[in-house]
């Protein structure tokens, strides 16, 4: 779909109130919501406004939609890694007795087994899946053990 300046002007003149309301809701969500779901809500609002503006699925390149999804996922993972660094001093290590362990902080929960190179990560109650044990996770586990 090829939009020119006149089409955009007409769209903005006809639907300015809806766009302003969407912007206000976006700003409120970004300021108020402190969970991982914030970025999912922001993405839904943006997609809703795009569909409302007359774009169709054919107009939106599916690679772009996938890119937005991966950006949201990357952002959530980055928040989780930042939480690992910031909350390490409060981390608690629990040996479950069966070779598995759990590391918990205010926002994170890691579950793994001794000798494995992956842990299940939950951030603010949302499961983020299995992650390879990298430097940030290894450091969090070691700090949690020493806090013991």
N, C-alpha and C. Protein backbone atom coordinates (compact mmCIF):
# COMPACT_ATOMS: atom_id res chain seq x y z
N UNK A 1 0.85 -1.16 0.00
CA UNK A 1 0.00 0.00 0.00
C UNK A 1 0.89 1.22 0.00
N UNK A 2 0.59 2.17 -0.84
CA UNK A 2 1.42 3.35 -0.98
C UNK A 2 0.64 4.57 -0.52
N UNK A 3 1.00 5.11 0.63
CA UNK A 3 0.33 6.29 1.17
C UNK A 3 1.09 7.54 0.75
N UNK A 4 0.37 8.58 0.36
CA UNK A 4 1.01 9.85 0.10
C UNK A 4 0.69 10.82 1.24
N UNK A 5 1.22 12.01 1.18
CA UNK A 5 1.04 13.00 2.25
C UNK A 5 -0.43 13.35 2.45
N UNK A 6 -1.18 13.49 1.39
CA UNK A 6 -2.59 13.86 1.50
C UNK A 6 -3.40 12.78 2.23
N UNK A 7 -3.08 11.53 1.96
CA UNK A 7 -3.77 10.42 2.63
C UNK A 7 -3.49 10.47 4.13
N UNK A 8 -2.24 10.71 4.50
CA UNK A 8 -1.89 10.80 5.92
C UNK A 8 -2.57 11.99 6.59
N UNK A 9 -2.62 13.13 5.88
CA UNK A 9 -3.29 14.32 6.44
C UNK A 9 -4.76 14.03 6.71
N UNK A 10 -5.42 13.40 5.73
CA UNK A 10 -6.84 13.08 5.89
C UNK A 10 -7.05 12.10 7.05
N UNK A 11 -6.18 11.11 7.13
CA UNK A 11 -6.28 10.14 8.22
C UNK A 11 -6.13 10.82 9.57
N UNK A 12 -5.12 11.67 9.71
CA UNK A 12 -4.88 12.35 10.98
C UNK A 12 -6.02 13.30 11.35
N UNK A 13 -6.59 13.98 10.36
CA UNK A 13 -7.69 14.89 10.63
C UNK A 13 -8.94 14.14 11.07
N UNK A 14 -9.19 12.99 10.49
CA UNK A 14 -10.39 12.22 10.80
C UNK A 14 -10.27 11.44 12.11
N UNK A 15 -9.08 11.00 12.43
CA UNK A 15 -8.94 10.08 13.56
C UNK A 15 -7.97 10.59 14.63
N UNK A 16 -7.79 11.87 14.75
CA UNK A 16 -6.82 12.41 15.70
C UNK A 16 -7.17 12.07 17.14
N UNK A 17 -8.44 12.04 17.47
CA UNK A 17 -8.84 11.77 18.84
C UNK A 17 -8.46 10.35 19.26
N UNK A 18 -8.68 9.39 18.39
CA UNK A 18 -8.33 8.00 18.69
C UNK A 18 -6.82 7.86 18.85
N UNK A 19 -6.06 8.54 17.99
CA UNK A 19 -4.60 8.47 18.08
C UNK A 19 -4.08 9.10 19.37
N UNK A 20 -4.68 10.22 19.78
CA UNK A 20 -4.28 10.86 21.03
C UNK A 20 -4.61 9.95 22.22
N UNK A 21 -5.80 9.34 22.19
CA UNK A 21 -6.17 8.42 23.27
C UNK A 21 -5.21 7.23 23.33
N UNK A 22 -4.85 6.69 22.18
CA UNK A 22 -3.90 5.57 22.14
C UNK A 22 -2.55 5.99 22.71
N UNK A 23 -2.12 7.20 22.39
CA UNK A 23 -0.85 7.71 22.91
C UNK A 23 -0.90 7.88 24.42
N UNK A 24 -2.00 8.39 24.93
CA UNK A 24 -2.17 8.57 26.37
C UNK A 24 -2.16 7.21 27.07
N UNK A 25 -2.89 6.24 26.52
CA UNK A 25 -2.91 4.89 27.11
C UNK A 25 -1.51 4.29 27.09
N UNK A 26 -0.78 4.47 25.98
CA UNK A 26 0.59 3.97 25.89
C UNK A 26 1.47 4.56 26.98
N UNK A 27 1.39 5.87 27.16
CA UNK A 27 2.21 6.53 28.17
C UNK A 27 1.85 6.05 29.57
N UNK A 28 0.56 5.86 29.83
CA UNK A 28 0.13 5.37 31.14
C UNK A 28 0.65 3.96 31.38
N UNK A 29 0.54 3.11 30.38
CA UNK A 29 1.01 1.72 30.52
C UNK A 29 2.51 1.71 30.79
N UNK A 30 3.26 2.51 30.06
CA UNK A 30 4.71 2.53 30.22
C UNK A 30 5.09 3.03 31.61
N UNK A 31 4.37 4.02 32.13
CA UNK A 31 4.69 4.60 33.44
C UNK A 31 4.20 3.74 34.61
N UNK A 32 3.02 3.14 34.48
CA UNK A 32 2.38 2.48 35.60
C UNK A 32 2.72 1.00 35.69
N UNK A 33 2.64 0.29 34.59
CA UNK A 33 2.84 -1.16 34.62
C UNK A 33 4.33 -1.45 34.75
N UNK A 34 4.69 -2.23 35.75
CA UNK A 34 6.09 -2.51 36.04
C UNK A 34 6.48 -3.94 35.72
N UNK A 35 5.64 -4.66 35.04
CA UNK A 35 5.93 -6.07 34.78
C UNK A 35 6.35 -6.29 33.34
N UNK A 36 6.68 -7.51 33.06
CA UNK A 36 7.06 -7.92 31.71
C UNK A 36 5.91 -7.70 30.73
N UNK A 37 4.69 -7.81 31.24
CA UNK A 37 3.52 -7.67 30.38
C UNK A 37 3.42 -6.27 29.77
N UNK A 38 4.12 -5.30 30.35
CA UNK A 38 4.08 -3.93 29.83
C UNK A 38 4.41 -3.91 28.35
N UNK A 39 5.45 -4.61 27.96
CA UNK A 39 5.89 -4.57 26.56
C UNK A 39 4.92 -5.30 25.64
N UNK A 40 4.26 -6.32 26.15
CA UNK A 40 3.24 -7.01 25.36
C UNK A 40 2.04 -6.08 25.14
N UNK A 41 1.64 -5.35 26.18
CA UNK A 41 0.52 -4.41 26.05
C UNK A 41 0.88 -3.29 25.08
N UNK A 42 2.10 -2.77 25.17
CA UNK A 42 2.55 -1.71 24.26
C UNK A 42 2.50 -2.21 22.82
N UNK A 43 3.00 -3.41 22.59
CA UNK A 43 3.00 -3.98 21.23
C UNK A 43 1.57 -4.14 20.72
N UNK A 44 0.64 -4.60 21.58
CA UNK A 44 -0.76 -4.75 21.16
C UNK A 44 -1.39 -3.41 20.81
N UNK A 45 -1.11 -2.38 21.58
CA UNK A 45 -1.67 -1.06 21.29
C UNK A 45 -1.15 -0.55 19.95
N UNK A 46 0.15 -0.71 19.71
CA UNK A 46 0.73 -0.24 18.45
C UNK A 46 0.14 -1.00 17.27
N UNK A 47 0.03 -2.32 17.40
CA UNK A 47 -0.56 -3.12 16.31
C UNK A 47 -2.02 -2.72 16.10
N UNK A 48 -2.76 -2.49 17.19
CA UNK A 48 -4.16 -2.05 17.08
C UNK A 48 -4.29 -0.73 16.33
N UNK A 49 -3.42 0.22 16.64
CA UNK A 49 -3.47 1.51 15.93
C UNK A 49 -3.12 1.33 14.47
N UNK A 50 -2.15 0.47 14.17
CA UNK A 50 -1.79 0.23 12.77
C UNK A 50 -2.96 -0.38 12.00
N UNK A 51 -3.63 -1.35 12.61
CA UNK A 51 -4.78 -1.95 11.94
C UNK A 51 -5.90 -0.93 11.78
N UNK A 52 -6.09 -0.10 12.78
CA UNK A 52 -7.13 0.92 12.73
C UNK A 52 -6.84 1.94 11.63
N UNK A 53 -5.56 2.17 11.35
CA UNK A 53 -5.20 3.15 10.32
C UNK A 53 -5.43 2.63 8.91
N UNK A 54 -5.78 1.37 8.77
CA UNK A 54 -6.09 0.85 7.45
C UNK A 54 -5.05 -0.10 6.88
N UNK A 55 -3.99 -0.35 7.62
CA UNK A 55 -3.03 -1.34 7.16
C UNK A 55 -3.65 -2.72 7.23
N UNK A 56 -3.24 -3.58 6.34
CA UNK A 56 -3.69 -4.96 6.37
C UNK A 56 -2.48 -5.84 6.65
N UNK A 57 -2.74 -7.12 6.87
CA UNK A 57 -1.64 -8.04 7.13
C UNK A 57 -0.68 -8.12 5.94
N UNK A 58 -1.21 -7.94 4.75
CA UNK A 58 -0.34 -7.97 3.58
C UNK A 58 0.57 -6.75 3.55
N UNK A 59 0.09 -5.62 4.08
CA UNK A 59 0.90 -4.41 4.10
C UNK A 59 2.03 -4.52 5.11
N UNK A 60 1.73 -5.18 6.23
CA UNK A 60 2.75 -5.37 7.25
C UNK A 60 3.60 -6.58 6.86
N UNK A 61 4.82 -6.35 6.66
CA UNK A 61 5.73 -7.42 6.33
C UNK A 61 5.84 -8.34 7.55
N UNK A 62 5.61 -9.62 7.37
CA UNK A 62 5.63 -10.56 8.50
C UNK A 62 7.00 -10.58 9.17
N UNK A 63 8.06 -10.25 8.41
CA UNK A 63 9.38 -10.17 9.02
C UNK A 63 9.42 -9.03 10.04
N UNK A 64 8.69 -7.95 9.75
CA UNK A 64 8.63 -6.82 10.68
C UNK A 64 7.91 -7.23 11.95
N UNK A 65 6.81 -7.95 11.81
CA UNK A 65 6.06 -8.42 12.98
C UNK A 65 6.93 -9.35 13.83
N UNK A 66 7.65 -10.25 13.17
CA UNK A 66 8.55 -11.15 13.90
C UNK A 66 9.66 -10.37 14.57
N UNK A 67 10.13 -9.33 13.89
CA UNK A 67 11.19 -8.50 14.46
C UNK A 67 10.72 -7.80 15.72
N UNK A 68 9.49 -7.30 15.72
CA UNK A 68 8.93 -6.64 16.90
C UNK A 68 8.83 -7.66 18.04
N UNK A 69 8.37 -8.85 17.73
CA UNK A 69 8.26 -9.90 18.75
C UNK A 69 9.61 -10.25 19.33
N UNK A 70 10.62 -10.36 18.49
CA UNK A 70 11.95 -10.70 19.00
C UNK A 70 12.55 -9.53 19.79
N UNK A 71 12.21 -8.29 19.42
CA UNK A 71 12.69 -7.14 20.19
C UNK A 71 12.07 -7.13 21.58
N UNK A 72 10.79 -7.47 21.66
CA UNK A 72 10.12 -7.54 22.97
C UNK A 72 10.76 -8.64 23.81
N UNK A 73 11.00 -9.80 23.20
CA UNK A 73 11.63 -10.91 23.91
C UNK A 73 13.03 -10.54 24.37
N UNK A 74 13.79 -9.89 23.51
CA UNK A 74 15.14 -9.47 23.88
C UNK A 74 15.11 -8.48 25.04
N UNK A 75 14.14 -7.58 25.02
CA UNK A 75 14.01 -6.58 26.09
C UNK A 75 13.70 -7.27 27.43
N UNK A 76 12.80 -8.25 27.40
CA UNK A 76 12.45 -8.98 28.62
C UNK A 76 13.67 -9.73 29.14
N UNK A 77 14.41 -10.37 28.23
CA UNK A 77 15.61 -11.09 28.65
C UNK A 77 16.64 -10.13 29.25
N UNK A 78 16.77 -8.96 28.66
CA UNK A 78 17.72 -7.97 29.18
C UNK A 78 17.30 -7.51 30.57
N UNK A 79 16.00 -7.30 30.78
CA UNK A 79 15.51 -6.92 32.11
C UNK A 79 15.82 -8.02 33.13
N UNK A 80 15.66 -9.27 32.72
CA UNK A 80 15.94 -10.39 33.62
C UNK A 80 17.42 -10.45 33.97
N UNK A 81 18.29 -10.24 32.99
CA UNK A 81 19.74 -10.25 33.24
C UNK A 81 20.11 -9.09 34.16
N UNK A 82 19.51 -7.93 33.94
CA UNK A 82 19.77 -6.78 34.82
C UNK A 82 19.32 -7.08 36.25
N UNK A 83 18.19 -7.76 36.38
CA UNK A 83 17.69 -8.13 37.70
C UNK A 83 18.65 -9.11 38.37
N UNK A 84 19.24 -10.01 37.58
CA UNK A 84 20.21 -10.97 38.15
C UNK A 84 21.36 -10.22 38.79
N UNK A 85 21.86 -9.22 38.10
CA UNK A 85 22.98 -8.45 38.63
C UNK A 85 22.56 -7.61 39.83
N UNK A 86 21.41 -6.99 39.76
CA UNK A 86 20.97 -6.09 40.81
C UNK A 86 20.46 -6.78 42.06
N UNK A 87 19.97 -8.00 41.94
CA UNK A 87 19.36 -8.69 43.07
C UNK A 87 20.21 -9.84 43.61
N UNK A 88 21.43 -9.95 43.12
CA UNK A 88 22.29 -11.07 43.53
C UNK A 88 22.52 -11.09 45.04
N UNK A 89 22.64 -9.92 45.65
CA UNK A 89 22.92 -9.88 47.08
C UNK A 89 21.76 -10.41 47.92
N UNK A 90 20.55 -10.46 47.34
CA UNK A 90 19.37 -10.94 48.04
C UNK A 90 19.01 -12.38 47.65
N UNK A 91 19.79 -12.96 46.75
CA UNK A 91 19.46 -14.28 46.21
C UNK A 91 19.57 -15.37 47.27
N UNK A 92 18.64 -16.31 47.21
CA UNK A 92 18.64 -17.45 48.12
C UNK A 92 18.79 -18.74 47.32
N UNK A 93 19.67 -19.61 47.76
CA UNK A 93 19.92 -20.88 47.09
C UNK A 93 19.27 -21.99 47.91
N UNK A 94 18.50 -22.84 47.24
CA UNK A 94 17.86 -23.96 47.91
C UNK A 94 18.27 -25.25 47.20
N UNK A 95 18.89 -26.16 47.96
CA UNK A 95 19.22 -27.49 47.42
C UNK A 95 17.98 -28.35 47.66
N UNK A 96 17.37 -28.84 46.57
CA UNK A 96 16.12 -29.59 46.68
C UNK A 96 16.32 -31.04 47.10
N UNK A 97 17.57 -31.48 47.26
CA UNK A 97 17.84 -32.83 47.76
C UNK A 97 17.86 -33.91 46.69
N UNK A 98 17.36 -33.64 45.53
CA UNK A 98 17.32 -34.65 44.47
C UNK A 98 18.29 -34.31 43.33
N UNK A 99 19.27 -33.47 43.64
CA UNK A 99 20.22 -33.05 42.61
C UNK A 99 19.80 -31.77 41.91
N UNK A 100 18.61 -31.30 42.24
CA UNK A 100 18.15 -30.04 41.64
C UNK A 100 18.28 -28.91 42.66
N UNK A 101 18.23 -27.70 42.16
CA UNK A 101 18.33 -26.53 43.03
C UNK A 101 17.40 -25.43 42.52
N UNK A 102 17.14 -24.48 43.40
CA UNK A 102 16.33 -23.32 43.06
C UNK A 102 17.03 -22.08 43.61
N UNK A 103 17.15 -21.07 42.79
CA UNK A 103 17.68 -19.78 43.21
C UNK A 103 16.55 -18.78 43.07
N UNK A 104 16.26 -18.05 44.15
CA UNK A 104 15.16 -17.08 44.11
C UNK A 104 15.63 -15.71 44.56
N UNK A 105 15.05 -14.69 43.92
CA UNK A 105 15.20 -13.30 44.34
C UNK A 105 13.79 -12.72 44.33
N UNK A 106 13.68 -11.42 44.53
CA UNK A 106 12.36 -10.79 44.51
C UNK A 106 11.66 -10.97 43.17
N UNK A 107 12.41 -10.93 42.07
CA UNK A 107 11.81 -10.97 40.74
C UNK A 107 12.16 -12.21 39.92
N UNK A 108 13.14 -12.97 40.35
CA UNK A 108 13.64 -14.09 39.55
C UNK A 108 13.51 -15.41 40.27
N UNK A 109 13.38 -16.46 39.48
CA UNK A 109 13.47 -17.81 40.00
C UNK A 109 14.19 -18.65 38.94
N UNK A 110 15.27 -19.28 39.36
CA UNK A 110 16.02 -20.18 38.49
C UNK A 110 15.90 -21.58 39.05
N UNK A 111 15.61 -22.54 38.18
CA UNK A 111 15.56 -23.94 38.60
C UNK A 111 16.47 -24.73 37.68
N UNK A 112 17.34 -25.53 38.29
CA UNK A 112 18.26 -26.31 37.49
C UNK A 112 18.68 -27.57 38.22
N UNK A 113 19.53 -28.35 37.56
CA UNK A 113 20.08 -29.56 38.15
C UNK A 113 21.59 -29.45 38.12
N UNK A 114 22.21 -29.97 39.19
CA UNK A 114 23.67 -29.95 39.28
C UNK A 114 24.26 -30.64 38.05
N UNK A 115 25.27 -30.01 37.44
CA UNK A 115 25.97 -30.60 36.32
C UNK A 115 25.36 -30.28 34.96
N UNK A 116 24.17 -29.73 34.92
CA UNK A 116 23.56 -29.37 33.64
C UNK A 116 23.95 -27.95 33.26
N UNK A 117 23.88 -27.66 31.95
CA UNK A 117 24.29 -26.33 31.48
C UNK A 117 23.10 -25.43 31.14
N UNK A 118 21.90 -25.79 31.61
CA UNK A 118 20.72 -24.98 31.40
C UNK A 118 19.91 -24.86 32.69
N UNK A 119 19.20 -23.73 32.81
CA UNK A 119 18.29 -23.53 33.94
C UNK A 119 16.97 -22.99 33.38
N UNK A 120 15.89 -23.27 34.10
CA UNK A 120 14.59 -22.68 33.76
C UNK A 120 14.52 -21.33 34.45
N UNK A 121 14.17 -20.29 33.70
CA UNK A 121 14.15 -18.93 34.23
C UNK A 121 12.72 -18.41 34.25
N UNK A 122 12.32 -17.88 35.40
CA UNK A 122 11.04 -17.17 35.53
C UNK A 122 11.35 -15.77 36.02
N UNK A 123 10.76 -14.77 35.36
CA UNK A 123 10.98 -13.37 35.72
C UNK A 123 9.64 -12.75 36.06
N UNK A 124 9.50 -12.33 37.29
CA UNK A 124 8.27 -11.72 37.79
C UNK A 124 7.06 -12.63 37.54
N UNK A 125 7.27 -13.92 37.74
CA UNK A 125 6.20 -14.89 37.61
C UNK A 125 5.95 -15.38 36.19
N UNK A 126 6.66 -14.85 35.22
CA UNK A 126 6.48 -15.25 33.82
C UNK A 126 7.64 -16.14 33.42
N UNK A 127 7.33 -17.35 32.97
CA UNK A 127 8.37 -18.29 32.56
C UNK A 127 9.00 -17.83 31.25
N UNK A 128 10.32 -17.72 31.26
CA UNK A 128 11.05 -17.29 30.07
C UNK A 128 11.72 -18.45 29.35
N UNK A 129 11.53 -19.66 29.86
CA UNK A 129 12.08 -20.84 29.20
C UNK A 129 13.43 -21.25 29.78
N UNK A 130 14.09 -22.16 29.08
CA UNK A 130 15.40 -22.65 29.51
C UNK A 130 16.48 -21.79 28.89
N UNK A 131 17.42 -21.39 29.73
CA UNK A 131 18.56 -20.59 29.29
C UNK A 131 19.85 -21.34 29.55
N UNK A 132 20.80 -21.16 28.65
CA UNK A 132 22.15 -21.67 28.88
C UNK A 132 22.75 -20.92 30.06
N UNK A 133 23.53 -21.62 30.87
CA UNK A 133 24.16 -20.96 32.01
C UNK A 133 25.35 -20.17 31.50
N UNK A 134 25.17 -18.86 31.47
CA UNK A 134 26.24 -17.94 31.08
C UNK A 134 26.85 -17.30 32.31
N UNK A 135 27.65 -16.29 32.09
CA UNK A 135 28.36 -15.64 33.19
C UNK A 135 27.41 -15.02 34.21
N UNK A 136 26.35 -14.35 33.75
CA UNK A 136 25.41 -13.70 34.67
C UNK A 136 24.70 -14.73 35.55
N UNK A 137 24.27 -15.82 34.96
CA UNK A 137 23.57 -16.85 35.73
C UNK A 137 24.53 -17.55 36.68
N UNK A 138 25.72 -17.86 36.19
CA UNK A 138 26.73 -18.52 37.03
C UNK A 138 27.06 -17.65 38.24
N UNK A 139 27.19 -16.35 38.02
CA UNK A 139 27.49 -15.42 39.10
C UNK A 139 26.35 -15.36 40.11
N UNK A 140 25.12 -15.33 39.63
CA UNK A 140 23.96 -15.29 40.52
C UNK A 140 23.90 -16.56 41.38
N UNK A 141 24.14 -17.70 40.77
CA UNK A 141 24.11 -18.97 41.52
C UNK A 141 25.21 -18.97 42.59
N UNK A 142 26.41 -18.55 42.21
CA UNK A 142 27.52 -18.54 43.17
C UNK A 142 27.24 -17.58 44.33
N UNK A 143 26.69 -16.41 44.01
CA UNK A 143 26.37 -15.45 45.07
C UNK A 143 25.27 -15.99 45.97
N UNK A 144 24.27 -16.64 45.39
CA UNK A 144 23.18 -17.21 46.19
C UNK A 144 23.72 -18.29 47.13
N UNK A 145 24.65 -19.11 46.64
CA UNK A 145 25.24 -20.14 47.50
C UNK A 145 26.01 -19.51 48.65
N UNK A 146 26.74 -18.44 48.37
CA UNK A 146 27.51 -17.80 49.43
C UNK A 146 26.64 -17.03 50.42
N UNK A 147 25.44 -16.61 49.97
CA UNK A 147 24.50 -15.93 50.87
C UNK A 147 23.93 -16.89 51.88
N UNK A 148 23.85 -18.19 51.48
CA UNK A 148 23.26 -19.28 52.22
C UNK A 148 23.24 -19.17 53.67
